[in-house]
Amino acid sequence: MKEMEKIQLYKSYRLSLSEIELLFSLEKTYKAKDETAIQAIIDILSEKKRALEEERDSIDKVMEKLDESIRMWSSVRPETSREAVLGIPFYFIPYMTCPKCGRAFRLESVDISENLIIRGDLRCSCGYEANIEDGIIMCDGYMEDTPFKIFNNVDLVQSLTDEHSDNFRMLMDKTYIWMYQHISMVLKDKRFILAGPFTSNFVLRYCEDFGEDTLIIIVDPSLKKIKKMRKYMEDFDFRTVYIAGNVDNIPLKKGCVDIYIDDYSVTNSIFTYNKSIYSQVAPLLKRGGMAIGIFCDYTTAPKTLENFKKDHPDFIPSRMNLNTVRNDIISNGMKIEEVKFMGKTRESVKHFPRHVVDEQVKVMGYKAMKQRA
């Protein structure tokens, strides 16, 4: 047998490189008729056979357990959809007010199930109207699909992180932990948390830790995104209100929100609309309310920013900087109290679909407080 063929044969025995080298050395001795060498070869092969037999027994046991798990999961059936009993809690009614004039609504044609409003019409004397359908507040201007187009299947929520590199996700996770630490320090007696639009996965990850007395309000212009968020969070829907519409047109009382979570909402709004959203968010915050968020600095990634115009042709790259957000925050009665640099992406790695390799993106967290009503 040729030497290369023998190497392949020994590899098929799952022998290590050092074991193969030893066998070749012993075989040369074997040609000299050395009985000790022959026995050593037999011992090596026999020991490998014994190890493989033990491994086979172990694999057989694992296979049995896998079969048990497969049988168990094969018998599991999805729970019957709970959407029919998801809706707006009664205690939220006083906080649904007209975004145009601030008056309370007339609530008409109401369907109620398990103390939740499932369907109804919100009417204001100034002419503003919104509807509650299938437990979701539907505002004028909502759309089926999202106007934010940068990621594939963006309405599936999870794709927002699936399409990032491990390094970028690590920076996101680091920022998320920092954000949650700040939220947890003020969470006691904080009743309303607002997130959106274009929110990513922070709320999905930490909603269980917010406490049962906290109501989460999620807003997005895409009805498809809202429904996906609701599906992901269905175990917590007794304390979540979903609003399909633009932030500047939602029926939410001014000054009622304790915490606003910017989970790429501002970043993605700049990509989509060329502007930050604090002119719409700040009025909803209470005096002393907190905004906490994640932001990406593309100062050293100009080609990457230009690439985003493939999805949003009207996007103005110069708007994508922290000063844009800072100025929007300050001009709307808020103050940035902390900006935390979390790190920058590694070179020679493509971190997301429109990223230009070797351009680095800085990831940071920020905290701002509402100073005046």
Protein backbone atom coordinates (compact mmCIF):
# COMPACT_ATOMS: atom_id res chain seq x y z
CA MET A 1 0.00 0.00 0.00
CA LYS A 2 1.31 3.46 -0.89
CA GLU A 3 2.19 5.81 1.96
CA MET A 4 -0.56 8.35 1.16
CA GLU A 5 -3.18 5.61 0.99
CA LYS A 6 -2.00 4.32 4.34
CA ILE A 7 -2.26 7.81 5.86
CA GLN A 8 -5.85 8.07 4.65
CA LEU A 9 -6.59 4.62 6.06
CA TYR A 10 -5.20 5.54 9.47
CA LYS A 11 -7.14 8.78 9.42
CA SER A 12 -10.30 6.76 8.82
CA TYR A 13 -9.45 4.91 12.06
CA ARG A 14 -9.65 8.34 13.75
CA LEU A 15 -6.04 8.11 14.84
CA SER A 16 -4.25 11.30 15.84
CA LEU A 17 -1.36 12.68 13.82
CA SER A 18 1.09 11.64 16.53
CA GLU A 19 -0.33 8.11 16.54
CA ILE A 20 0.01 7.89 12.76
CA GLU A 21 3.61 9.08 12.94
CA LEU A 22 4.35 6.48 15.62
CA LEU A 23 2.81 3.71 13.50
CA PHE A 24 4.95 4.67 10.51
CA SER A 25 8.03 4.60 12.72
CA LEU A 26 7.11 1.18 14.13
CA GLU A 27 6.37 -0.21 10.68
CA LYS A 28 9.91 0.61 9.60
CA THR A 29 11.08 -1.38 12.60
CA TYR A 30 8.64 -4.17 11.67
CA LYS A 31 10.35 -4.53 8.31
CA ALA A 32 13.44 -5.37 10.34
CA LYS A 33 11.45 -8.24 11.91
CA ASP A 34 11.21 -6.67 15.39
CA GLU A 35 8.51 -8.53 17.36
CA THR A 36 8.32 -5.75 19.94
CA ALA A 37 7.43 -3.26 17.23
CA ILE A 38 4.76 -5.57 15.85
CA GLN A 39 3.18 -5.89 19.31
CA ALA A 40 3.29 -2.11 19.76
CA ILE A 41 1.39 -1.66 16.49
CA ILE A 42 -1.21 -4.19 17.63
CA ASP A 43 -1.51 -2.41 20.99
CA ILE A 44 -2.07 0.99 19.35
CA LEU A 45 -4.76 -0.35 17.03
CA SER A 46 -6.41 -2.37 19.80
CA GLU A 47 -6.49 0.64 22.12
CA LYS A 48 -8.11 2.74 19.38
CA LYS A 49 -10.71 0.01 18.80
CA ARG A 50 -11.49 -0.10 22.53
CA ALA A 51 -11.85 3.71 22.67
CA LEU A 52 -14.16 3.68 19.66
CA GLU A 53 -16.30 0.94 21.21
CA GLU A 54 -16.67 3.03 24.39
CA GLU A 55 -17.56 6.05 22.29
CA ARG A 56 -20.10 3.98 20.36
CA ASP A 57 -21.74 2.87 23.62
CA SER A 58 -21.87 6.48 24.78
CA ILE A 59 -23.34 7.60 21.44
CA ASP A 60 -25.95 4.82 21.62
CA LYS A 61 -27.07 6.13 25.02
CA VAL A 62 -27.26 9.69 23.69
CA MET A 63 -29.24 8.46 20.68
CA GLU A 64 -31.75 6.81 23.01
CA LYS A 65 -32.19 10.06 24.91
CA LEU A 66 -32.55 11.97 21.64
CA ASP A 67 -35.27 9.54 20.55
CA GLU A 68 -37.09 10.15 23.85
CA SER A 69 -36.88 13.93 23.34
CA ILE A 70 -38.08 13.64 19.73
CA ARG A 71 -41.04 11.53 20.85
CA MET A 72 -41.84 14.02 23.62
CA TRP A 73 -41.75 17.05 21.30
CA SER A 74 -43.68 15.17 18.62
CA SER A 75 -46.57 14.90 21.07
CA VAL A 76 -46.56 18.63 21.88
CA ARG A 77 -49.16 20.72 20.12
CA PRO A 78 -49.09 24.54 19.88
CA GLU A 79 -51.38 26.31 22.29
CA THR A 80 -54.57 27.68 20.89
CA SER A 81 -54.10 31.26 19.82
CA ARG A 82 -54.76 33.75 22.64
CA GLU A 83 -55.17 36.76 20.38
CA ALA A 84 -58.94 36.89 21.02
CA VAL A 85 -58.26 37.88 24.68
CA LEU A 86 -55.44 40.36 24.11
CA GLY A 87 -56.38 43.99 24.35
CA ILE A 88 -56.24 47.33 26.15
CA PRO A 89 -56.57 47.21 29.96
CA PHE A 90 -59.25 49.42 31.46
CA TYR A 91 -56.79 51.36 33.60
CA PHE A 92 -55.09 52.60 30.40
CA ILE A 93 -58.25 54.42 29.20
CA PRO A 94 -57.44 57.75 30.99
CA TYR A 95 -54.07 57.78 29.21
CA MET A 96 -55.55 57.54 25.74
CA THR A 97 -56.02 61.17 24.71
CA CYS A 98 -56.14 63.02 21.42
CA PRO A 99 -52.66 63.85 20.06
CA LYS A 100 -54.09 66.94 18.33
CA CYS A 101 -55.94 68.70 21.12
CA GLY A 102 -55.29 66.60 24.25
CA ARG A 103 -58.96 65.93 24.99
CA ALA A 104 -60.32 62.60 26.23
CA PHE A 105 -61.94 60.33 23.65
CA ARG A 106 -65.42 59.09 23.23
CA LEU A 107 -65.07 55.31 23.21
CA GLU A 108 -67.69 53.79 20.91
CA SER A 109 -68.69 50.34 19.61
CA VAL A 110 -66.66 48.59 22.30
CA ASP A 111 -66.08 44.84 22.56
CA ILE A 112 -64.71 43.62 25.90
CA SER A 113 -63.28 40.25 26.90
CA GLU A 114 -61.67 39.36 30.22
CA ASN A 115 -61.55 43.02 31.26
CA LEU A 116 -59.68 43.99 28.11
CA ILE A 117 -60.87 46.18 25.27
CA ILE A 118 -60.67 44.06 22.13
CA ARG A 119 -62.37 46.40 19.70
CA GLY A 120 -63.60 49.97 19.76
CA ASP A 121 -63.57 53.36 18.11
CA LEU A 122 -61.75 56.36 19.59
CA ARG A 123 -63.44 59.63 18.63
CA CYS A 124 -62.46 63.19 19.49
CA SER A 125 -64.58 66.31 19.03
CA CYS A 126 -61.71 67.89 17.06
CA GLY A 127 -62.11 65.23 14.37
CA TYR A 128 -59.24 62.89 15.27
CA GLU A 129 -60.11 59.20 15.06
CA ALA A 130 -58.37 55.92 15.87
CA ASN A 131 -59.60 52.37 16.19
CA ILE A 132 -58.91 49.38 18.38
CA GLU A 133 -58.94 46.21 16.32
CA ASP A 134 -57.95 42.79 17.61
CA GLY A 135 -56.59 44.50 20.73
CA ILE A 136 -54.26 46.81 18.76
CA ILE A 137 -54.67 50.59 18.61
CA MET A 138 -54.71 51.47 14.90
CA CYS A 139 -53.87 55.07 14.03
CA ASP A 140 -54.25 56.92 10.77
CA GLY A 141 -51.04 56.53 8.76
CA TYR A 142 -50.09 53.01 9.82
CA MET A 143 -48.93 50.68 7.05
CA GLU A 144 -48.78 46.93 6.57
CA ASP A 145 -45.01 46.71 5.95
CA THR A 146 -42.27 48.75 7.53
CA PRO A 147 -40.82 51.81 5.77
CA PHE A 148 -37.43 50.86 7.26
CA LYS A 149 -35.85 48.68 4.56
CA ILE A 150 -32.23 48.04 5.51
CA PHE A 151 -32.52 44.46 6.79
CA ASN A 152 -34.09 41.42 5.17
CA ASN A 153 -37.37 40.39 6.82
CA VAL A 154 -37.10 43.33 9.21
CA ASP A 155 -40.69 42.79 10.36
CA LEU A 156 -39.60 39.45 11.85
CA VAL A 157 -37.82 41.36 14.67
CA GLN A 158 -35.22 38.65 15.28
CA SER A 159 -33.60 39.31 11.89
CA LEU A 160 -32.42 42.64 13.27
CA THR A 161 -29.80 40.72 15.24
CA ASP A 162 -29.49 37.61 13.08
CA GLU A 163 -28.03 39.71 10.26
CA HIS A 164 -25.28 41.14 12.48
CA SER A 165 -21.85 39.61 13.09
CA ASP A 166 -20.97 37.98 16.42
CA ASN A 167 -18.75 40.95 17.22
CA PHE A 168 -21.54 43.47 16.56
CA ARG A 169 -24.01 41.42 18.61
CA MET A 170 -21.50 41.37 21.47
CA LEU A 171 -21.36 45.18 21.42
CA MET A 172 -25.17 45.32 21.33
CA ASP A 173 -25.40 42.94 24.30
CA LYS A 174 -22.88 45.00 26.24
CA THR A 175 -24.96 48.12 25.60
CA TYR A 176 -28.18 46.32 26.50
CA ILE A 177 -26.73 45.32 29.87
CA TRP A 178 -25.69 48.92 30.53
CA MET A 179 -29.17 50.14 29.55
CA TYR A 180 -30.91 47.65 31.81
CA GLN A 181 -28.67 48.52 34.75
CA HIS A 182 -29.81 52.15 34.48
CA ILE A 183 -33.46 51.13 34.07
CA SER A 184 -33.35 48.78 37.05
CA MET A 185 -32.08 51.58 39.30
CA VAL A 186 -35.21 53.67 38.68
CA LEU A 187 -37.79 50.99 37.86
CA LYS A 188 -39.57 51.05 41.21
CA ASP A 189 -42.87 52.92 40.92
CA LYS A 190 -42.27 53.52 37.19
CA ARG A 191 -45.52 52.54 35.54
CA PHE A 192 -45.24 53.20 31.78
CA ILE A 193 -42.36 52.22 29.49
CA LEU A 194 -42.47 53.29 25.84
CA ALA A 195 -40.50 51.61 23.02
CA GLY A 196 -40.40 52.15 19.28
CA PRO A 197 -40.62 52.78 16.45
CA PHE A 198 -38.38 50.25 14.65
CA THR A 199 -37.39 48.75 17.99
CA SER A 200 -35.06 45.76 18.12
CA ASN A 201 -34.83 43.06 20.83
CA PHE A 202 -34.23 44.85 24.14
CA VAL A 203 -37.84 44.69 25.30
CA LEU A 204 -38.15 41.05 24.27
CA ARG A 205 -35.08 40.22 26.32
CA TYR A 206 -35.84 42.16 29.50
CA CYS A 207 -39.63 42.52 29.72
CA GLU A 208 -39.89 39.79 32.37
CA ASP A 209 -37.64 41.84 34.63
CA PHE A 210 -39.73 45.02 34.46
CA GLY A 211 -42.26 43.88 37.06
CA GLU A 212 -45.94 43.10 36.81
CA ASP A 213 -47.03 46.65 37.63
CA THR A 214 -45.18 48.06 34.62
CA LEU A 215 -47.08 48.61 31.38
CA ILE A 216 -45.04 48.39 28.18
CA ILE A 217 -46.23 50.50 25.24
CA ILE A 218 -44.85 49.48 21.85
CA VAL A 219 -45.40 51.70 18.82
CA ASP A 220 -44.43 51.06 15.20
CA PRO A 221 -45.74 52.26 11.83
CA SER A 222 -45.85 48.65 10.58
CA LEU A 223 -48.85 46.57 11.56
CA LYS A 224 -46.94 43.43 10.56
CA LYS A 225 -44.12 44.34 12.98
CA ILE A 226 -46.62 45.06 15.76
CA LYS A 227 -48.29 41.68 15.28
CA LYS A 228 -44.93 39.92 15.32
CA MET A 229 -43.93 41.71 18.52
CA ARG A 230 -47.21 40.71 20.09
CA LYS A 231 -46.69 37.10 19.08
CA TYR A 232 -43.22 37.05 20.62
CA MET A 233 -44.51 38.64 23.83
CA GLU A 234 -47.84 36.88 24.16
CA ASP A 235 -47.01 35.58 27.64
CA PHE A 236 -46.79 39.19 28.86
CA ASP A 237 -49.65 40.80 26.94
CA PHE A 238 -51.69 41.49 30.03
CA ARG A 239 -49.33 44.44 30.56
CA THR A 240 -48.46 45.46 27.00
CA VAL A 241 -50.25 47.96 24.75
CA TYR A 242 -49.58 47.86 21.01
CA ILE A 243 -50.01 50.90 18.77
CA ALA A 244 -49.74 50.79 14.97
CA GLY A 245 -48.95 54.27 13.69
CA ASN A 246 -46.42 57.08 13.65
CA VAL A 247 -45.16 58.39 16.99
CA ASP A 248 -46.42 61.93 16.27
CA ASN A 249 -49.97 60.70 15.80
CA ILE A 250 -50.56 58.17 18.57
CA PRO A 251 -53.38 58.63 21.11
CA LEU A 252 -51.15 58.77 24.18
CA LYS A 253 -51.46 61.37 26.94
CA LYS A 254 -48.59 63.83 27.13
CA GLY A 255 -46.40 63.49 30.22
CA CYS A 256 -47.43 59.94 31.11
CA VAL A 257 -44.34 57.93 30.12
CA ASP A 258 -41.73 57.17 32.78
CA ILE A 259 -39.05 55.58 30.60
CA TYR A 260 -38.42 55.67 26.86
CA ILE A 261 -36.28 52.87 25.39
CA ASP A 262 -34.42 53.81 22.23
CA ASP A 263 -33.43 50.38 20.91
CA TYR A 264 -32.16 51.64 17.53
CA SER A 265 -35.38 53.64 17.16
CA VAL A 266 -33.59 56.96 16.67
CA THR A 267 -30.90 55.43 14.43
CA ASN A 268 -33.48 53.74 12.22
CA SER A 269 -35.67 56.87 12.14
CA ILE A 270 -32.73 58.88 10.82
CA PHE A 271 -32.17 56.26 8.13
CA THR A 272 -35.87 56.35 7.23
CA TYR A 273 -36.91 59.97 7.80
CA ASN A 274 -33.58 61.86 8.10
CA LYS A 275 -34.48 63.05 11.59
CA SER A 276 -34.43 62.04 15.22
CA ILE A 277 -37.76 61.54 16.99
CA TYR A 278 -37.39 63.36 20.30
CA SER A 279 -39.66 66.17 19.16
CA GLN A 280 -42.39 63.50 19.29
CA VAL A 281 -41.11 61.40 22.20
CA ALA A 282 -40.10 64.13 24.67
CA PRO A 283 -43.65 65.54 25.14
CA LEU A 284 -44.84 62.05 26.14
CA LEU A 285 -42.25 61.77 28.93
CA LYS A 286 -42.97 62.91 32.47
CA ARG A 287 -40.82 65.61 33.96
CA GLY A 288 -37.90 63.64 35.39
CA GLY A 289 -38.59 60.81 32.95
CA MET A 290 -35.65 58.96 31.45
CA ALA A 291 -34.67 58.09 27.90
CA ILE A 292 -32.08 55.33 27.55
CA GLY A 293 -30.73 54.11 24.25
CA ILE A 294 -28.15 52.63 21.90
CA PHE A 295 -26.57 54.56 19.04
CA CYS A 296 -23.99 53.81 16.33
CA ASP A 297 -21.35 56.32 15.27
CA TYR A 298 -20.44 55.98 11.58
CA THR A 299 -17.82 58.77 11.54
CA THR A 300 -15.15 56.29 10.44
CA ALA A 301 -17.52 54.41 8.12
CA PRO A 302 -18.51 56.91 5.37
CA LYS A 303 -18.75 54.28 2.61
CA THR A 304 -21.04 52.19 4.79
CA LEU A 305 -23.34 55.19 5.28
CA GLU A 306 -23.45 55.75 1.52
CA ASN A 307 -24.42 52.10 1.09
CA PHE A 308 -27.58 52.69 3.13
CA LYS A 309 -28.84 54.91 0.31
CA LYS A 310 -29.41 51.73 -1.70
CA ASP A 311 -32.33 51.05 0.65
CA HIS A 312 -33.28 54.67 1.36
CA PRO A 313 -32.31 56.87 -1.62
CA ASP A 314 -33.32 60.06 0.21
CA PHE A 315 -31.14 59.31 3.23
CA ILE A 316 -28.73 62.13 4.10
CA PRO A 317 -25.57 60.55 5.63
CA SER A 318 -24.52 63.76 7.40
CA ARG A 319 -27.60 63.47 9.63
CA MET A 320 -26.35 60.19 11.14
CA ASN A 321 -24.32 61.46 14.07
CA LEU A 322 -24.75 61.87 17.80
CA ASN A 323 -24.90 65.66 17.52
CA THR A 324 -28.15 65.33 15.55
CA VAL A 325 -29.65 63.35 18.42
CA ARG A 326 -28.09 65.54 21.10
CA ASN A 327 -29.50 68.72 19.55
CA ASP A 328 -32.95 67.13 19.19
CA ILE A 329 -32.86 66.04 22.83
CA ILE A 330 -31.76 69.43 24.17
CA SER A 331 -34.20 71.44 22.05
CA ASN A 332 -37.08 69.39 23.46
CA GLY A 333 -36.49 70.08 27.14
CA MET A 334 -34.14 67.19 27.89
CA LYS A 335 -30.53 66.82 28.95
CA ILE A 336 -28.03 64.10 28.05
CA GLU A 337 -26.54 62.93 31.33
CA GLU A 338 -24.22 60.18 30.08
CA VAL A 339 -22.75 58.82 26.87
CA LYS A 340 -20.99 55.48 27.28
CA PHE A 341 -18.58 54.21 24.61
CA MET A 342 -19.01 50.43 24.35
CA GLY A 343 -16.45 49.62 21.67
CA LYS A 344 -15.97 49.54 17.94
CA THR A 345 -16.38 46.76 15.40
CA ARG A 346 -13.40 44.64 14.41
CA GLU A 347 -11.70 45.16 11.08
CA SER A 348 -11.73 42.59 8.25
CA VAL A 349 -15.26 41.43 9.17
CA LYS A 350 -18.60 42.22 7.48
CA HIS A 351 -20.83 43.15 10.39
CA PHE A 352 -24.21 43.72 8.68
CA PRO A 353 -25.60 43.69 5.11
CA ARG A 354 -24.61 47.25 4.09
CA HIS A 355 -21.33 47.34 6.00
CA VAL A 356 -18.11 47.96 4.07
CA VAL A 357 -15.42 45.62 5.38
CA ASP A 358 -12.53 47.36 7.22
CA GLU A 359 -14.69 50.38 8.13
CA GLN A 360 -15.23 50.48 11.88
CA VAL A 361 -18.50 51.47 13.57
CA LYS A 362 -18.55 52.71 17.16
CA VAL A 363 -21.37 51.52 19.42
CA MET A 364 -22.42 53.58 22.42
CA GLY A 365 -25.16 53.92 24.98
CA TYR A 366 -26.72 57.19 26.16
CA LYS A 367 -29.00 58.37 28.93
CA ALA A 368 -31.09 61.56 28.90
CA MET A 369 -33.55 63.06 31.38
CA LYS A 370 -36.66 65.20 30.85
CA GLN A 371 -36.09 68.53 32.59
CA ARG A 372 -39.16 70.56 31.84
CA ALA A 373 -42.79 69.85 31.00
